[in-house]
Amino acid sequence: MLNQMSPDLMLRLWDDWELRVMVLISLTTQIFLLVMGNRRKYNPGTLLRISIWCAYLTADWVATVALGLLFNKQGTISSTCSTARKTDHIDYELAAFWAPFLLLHLGGQNTITAYAIADTDLWLRNWLALGSQTAVALYVTFMAWKGTWISFLTIPMIFAGVLKYGERSLALRFAHHQKYLYSLADPPNCVQLIEDVNLRRDEGYIVLPIELKRVVDHLSHADTGTLLAEAYSFFQTFKRIFVDLLLSPLDLRTSQSYFWNLTPEVAFKLVEFEHGFAYDVFYTNAPIIYTSWGSICRFITSVLIIIVFVLFLMFETRNRLQIDLIITYILLVGAILQEFYAVILLLSSDWTKLRSRDTRSRFFRKIASLQPAVSQLISRSFISSIVSCFLPSNAKRWSNSLGLYNLLSFSIKDKPVSSLEDKPELFKHIVKSSAIYKKFERLRYKDCCEVSPDWKKLIFKHFKEKSVFRSKAEDDIYIASLCSARGNLVFEKNYLSFSFSWTTQVEFDQSILIWHIATDICYHLDGGKKFTTKNPTYEGSKNLSDYMVYLLLECPSMLPIGIGKIRFQDTHEEAEQFCRTKRLGSKDKGALCNKLLEVSTEEYPLAKAKGETSKSVLFDARKLAGLLQEMGGEDENKEKKWKFVCDVWIEILGYAACHCRGYYHARQLMKGGEFITHVWLLMAHLGITEQYFR
């Protein structure tokens, strides 16, 4: 059979099927993006992110190519339609009817308007594409026009496609960094304010500059709708810092007075809601569709698609080519299912719950009234199992996880590749020398854990205490000292500056690695996971330590500029050499920590003799670990030691959060978000930020 297929026959076969294949691939990618596009909001998985990236790039390309194929075949379309007949290979009149569906596909999905922040920079190109692709669809329709029912059904479908494509273009324009600045709240009208004050005084009123603080009433028991409304109110103000704008002192005072009265759980829940709103604004078309006009346009689009589907069923279709008729039905049913799915997402979203509380929006209150019925329908046993597979979780607004990376584990290779153990040494050497293996090996040592509520309590308490002190100081210098502290304030508080200040008087990445290795050594010397304590500072210190190294390697743009990766590599190589010298196996991490601590202080000059070529901090970390062990050598002092270490790591985390631009915080939302972004927002709400008017 294969021998009988000549190249000419294969070309003719592909010529007959290329358009059909492209149209079906376009529909498939759109369904995948609709179902999976929003899941990266709370799922940081690499495989999911790569799949969405491939589908996102493929979707526009395939739809554009398919429209181009229709445009190139316009001569054939015109000739076949004018003679009222079809070829034996494709029904070109039906094929022309597919053009509006490709416009719908180019309009994308509500769940993913932009894959990355950089995509919003191309908003102007998207408007140009809207115009050009609409012109192509109209041209194909005009060339295929015969006055039949299919010709007339093409018109409402083109209108629906343009509406949906326009939604995406508006959303990209709104999320664009520069355009987003203009969408922020207008500054107060000072002239009008002065006129109002003078008018009140002339009328006999006594006008005083009194600061009114927001009152928090039972928010610890508030429902989700109330918390959403409060979070959105703050997001309307604090979204400025995502685009590197400044807050007003009044904004900070209002936020401070509010967050001082919150519990850690409620404070972080509000920040989580703000995190979710930020993702929706930058990566979906939520700011467009969750408005009255946006919902009306979506309603019109859905109604037009349903009407076209019903009318298509009513008319005679027996004379149509069967395969093309089937593809047309697939496109129509696929479009209806996508609209139905989008409506369910709209009804169950935070934005609908939020808009329904707006007394001025009767439209969204009516939509929100349908939520109980939808929830009841979804909760039915025979439906819930199916829906849970396809609908994203409404309870998750970020990944709620920390990425972890441990230098000593990576150096001692406590996760060896078992498949290489029995291979010849030469083969193992070749494999381990390859760049792919090194990348894979580093990924294997990347771990993650959930963010514990106890850690959130520690962090909230830490920064709240500073915030209270800042309110009494009324001093910009003190604010700067809070934002620039990376352990030194903890040293001063515990009267330990003389012993530990050298660890923070170095570059930031160097300080991270010194404290990371020292924390890991102390953790294992105190028993590791076998050490039983109810104090969360023990595990919290270890996980925050590993998290900061994860940021150093995987998200370096979120940290101050430095040579963190070079320093990590040099330290890793020196640790590997130390393991080989001491003949330590892959299961001897505890022994490695003991051996490091046994290195005498007299050996430090020898370690420094390697000169400036190596940036290793291994023996600096050993020195710090020795100081920490002396500080908490006895069992009764361990709790105090780990409280001290945890406070240092919280301060280091806060320093990194304050010195990361809002743009990079927004960029990381596409990967499930980072805990450092939550800390950054929390600190800003507590007034610990330099992004305000002096």
Foldseek 3Di string as FASTA:
>chain_A
DVVPCDPVNVVVVCLLCVLVVLLVLLLVLLLCCQQLVQQLLAFLDPVSLVVNVVSVVSNLVSLVVSLVSLLVCLVVLLVQLVVPHADPRARNLLSLLCLLLSLQSLLGYQNFLDLFLVVLVCLVVLVVVLVVSLVSSVSSLVSNDDPDPSSVLSVLSNVLSSLSSVLSSVLSQCLNLVSVVVVADDDDDVVVVVVVVVVCVVVPDDDDPDQDEDDDDPPVPDDPLVLLQVLVVLLSQVVCQLSPFFHAPSNLRRLQSVLLPDALVSLLVSLLSSLLVLLSSNTGSCVQCLDPVNVVSLVSSLVSLVVSLVVVVPDDDPSHDVVSVVSSNVSSVSVNVSSVSSLLCVQLASSLSNVLPDPVCPPSVVSVVCNVVSVVVCPPPVRVVVVVVRHHDRVHSFNQKFKFAALLLLLQVLPDDVVCPPPDPVVVVVQCPDPVNVVVSRVVRIDMDGDDSLLSNVLLVLLLVLLVVCVVVVDPVSLVVLLQDQQCVLCVVVVNCVPPVVLVVDDLLSSLVLLLLLLVLLCVVCPNPVNDDPRVLNVLLNRLSRRVLCCVPPVVLLFPDDDNVQQSVLQSVVLNVVCVVVVPHSPVSNVSSVVLLPDDPVCVVVVCVVDDPHNYCSNVSSSVSNVLCVQQVDPVRPSVSSSSSSSSSSSSLSNSLQPRRSNSQSRCSSSRGHVSPSSNVSSSSSVSHPRHDD
